Amino acid sequence: MIRHTVFWKFSPDVIDPEEQVEAMRLRFRALKSSCPGFLDVFVEPTLPGSTHDLVISCLFTDQEALDAYQFHPGRLALRAESTLFLTDRACADWISDL
């Protein structure tokens, strides 16, 4: 399995970070159901003192599923929308047993 984890900072324009986290959580759950090989997703705020504000961690069956996700129309739309309120992306992918 492949774990794909992305960290983001909220833009200064975000008034209600909790509302944004919940909206992202709902959108990613819907996206998961339409992407073959997309097994699980966690969308959570980070703890105080972290370098970023939000973590999104997705689990995929294999590299092929992750590659398909990267170009899925729903993911591309979500990414375009997210750039309006998220900045400073950091990403890592790794092989995971969980």
Protein backbone atom coordinates (compact mmCIF):
# COMPACT_ATOMS: atom_id res chain seq x y z
CA MET A 1 0.00 0.00 0.00
CA ILE A 2 1.04 3.60 -0.56
CA ARG A 3 0.44 6.39 1.93
CA HIS A 4 0.20 9.90 0.43
CA THR A 5 0.40 12.67 3.03
CA VAL A 6 0.13 16.39 2.39
CA PHE A 7 0.58 19.22 4.88
CA TRP A 8 -0.89 22.67 4.23
CA LYS A 9 -1.03 26.08 5.88
CA PHE A 10 -4.24 28.09 5.82
CA SER A 11 -4.06 31.37 3.96
CA PRO A 12 -4.47 34.50 6.09
CA ASP A 13 -7.94 34.94 4.55
CA VAL A 14 -9.35 31.87 6.34
CA ILE A 15 -11.76 33.06 9.01
CA ASP A 16 -12.97 29.69 10.33
CA PRO A 17 -10.30 26.96 10.05
CA GLU A 18 -12.57 24.33 11.64
CA GLU A 19 -15.19 24.93 8.96
CA GLN A 20 -12.56 24.54 6.24
CA VAL A 21 -11.29 21.28 7.77
CA GLU A 22 -14.80 19.83 7.87
CA ALA A 23 -15.50 20.90 4.28
CA MET A 24 -12.25 19.27 3.13
CA ARG A 25 -13.04 16.13 5.11
CA LEU A 26 -16.41 15.78 3.36
CA ARG A 27 -14.95 16.45 -0.09
CA PHE A 28 -12.15 13.92 0.36
CA ARG A 29 -14.54 11.25 1.61
CA ALA A 30 -16.68 11.74 -1.47
CA LEU A 31 -13.60 11.63 -3.68
CA LYS A 32 -12.48 8.39 -2.03
CA SER A 33 -15.68 6.65 -3.08
CA SER A 34 -15.12 7.53 -6.75
CA CYS A 35 -11.43 6.58 -7.05
CA PRO A 36 -10.58 2.89 -7.47
CA GLY A 37 -7.82 1.84 -5.09
CA PHE A 38 -8.35 4.81 -2.74
CA LEU A 39 -8.75 2.96 0.55
CA ASP A 40 -8.84 5.56 3.30
CA VAL A 41 -8.41 9.25 4.06
CA PHE A 42 -7.77 11.34 7.15
CA VAL A 43 -8.24 15.12 7.10
CA GLU A 44 -7.28 16.70 10.40
CA PRO A 45 -6.00 19.96 11.85
CA THR A 46 -2.50 19.71 13.23
CA LEU A 47 -1.59 20.30 16.86
CA PRO A 48 -0.47 23.73 18.09
CA GLY A 49 3.21 24.29 17.46
CA SER A 50 3.19 22.36 14.17
CA THR A 51 4.73 23.94 11.10
CA HIS A 52 1.51 23.46 9.10
CA ASP A 53 -2.20 23.78 9.92
CA LEU A 54 -3.78 20.82 8.13
CA VAL A 55 -2.80 17.26 7.28
CA ILE A 56 -4.45 15.10 4.63
CA SER A 57 -3.31 11.50 4.58
CA CYS A 58 -4.62 9.08 1.95
CA LEU A 59 -4.04 5.34 1.64
CA PHE A 60 -3.93 3.68 -1.79
CA THR A 61 -3.67 0.05 -2.81
CA ASP A 62 -0.60 0.66 -4.97
CA GLN A 63 1.33 3.19 -7.07
CA GLU A 64 -1.09 2.75 -9.97
CA ALA A 65 -4.02 3.84 -7.78
CA LEU A 66 -2.07 6.85 -6.50
CA ASP A 67 -1.15 7.84 -10.05
CA ALA A 68 -4.79 7.57 -11.16
CA TYR A 69 -5.88 9.70 -8.18
CA GLN A 70 -3.44 12.46 -9.15
CA PHE A 71 -5.31 12.99 -12.44
CA HIS A 72 -8.85 12.19 -11.27
CA PRO A 73 -11.21 15.06 -12.28
CA GLY A 74 -12.63 15.30 -8.75
CA ARG A 75 -9.18 15.63 -7.24
CA LEU A 76 -8.16 18.27 -9.81
CA ALA A 77 -11.30 20.30 -9.03
CA LEU A 78 -10.67 19.99 -5.29
CA ARG A 79 -7.06 21.07 -5.74
CA ALA A 80 -8.08 24.14 -7.77
CA GLU A 81 -10.64 25.12 -5.13
CA SER A 82 -8.20 24.52 -2.27
CA THR A 83 -5.61 26.93 -3.63
CA LEU A 84 -8.00 29.73 -2.67
CA PHE A 85 -7.49 29.06 1.06
CA LEU A 86 -4.43 26.81 1.41
CA THR A 87 -0.74 27.65 0.96
CA ASP A 88 2.72 26.21 1.59
CA ARG A 89 2.23 22.57 0.60
CA ALA A 90 4.55 19.81 1.80
CA CYS A 91 4.04 16.25 0.55
CA ALA A 92 5.47 12.77 1.10
CA ASP A 93 4.57 9.33 -0.27
CA TRP A 94 5.76 6.07 1.22
CA ILE A 95 5.09 2.36 1.33
CA SER A 96 2.85 1.54 4.28
CA ASP A 97 1.67 -1.63 6.01
CA LEU A 98 -1.33 0.27 7.44
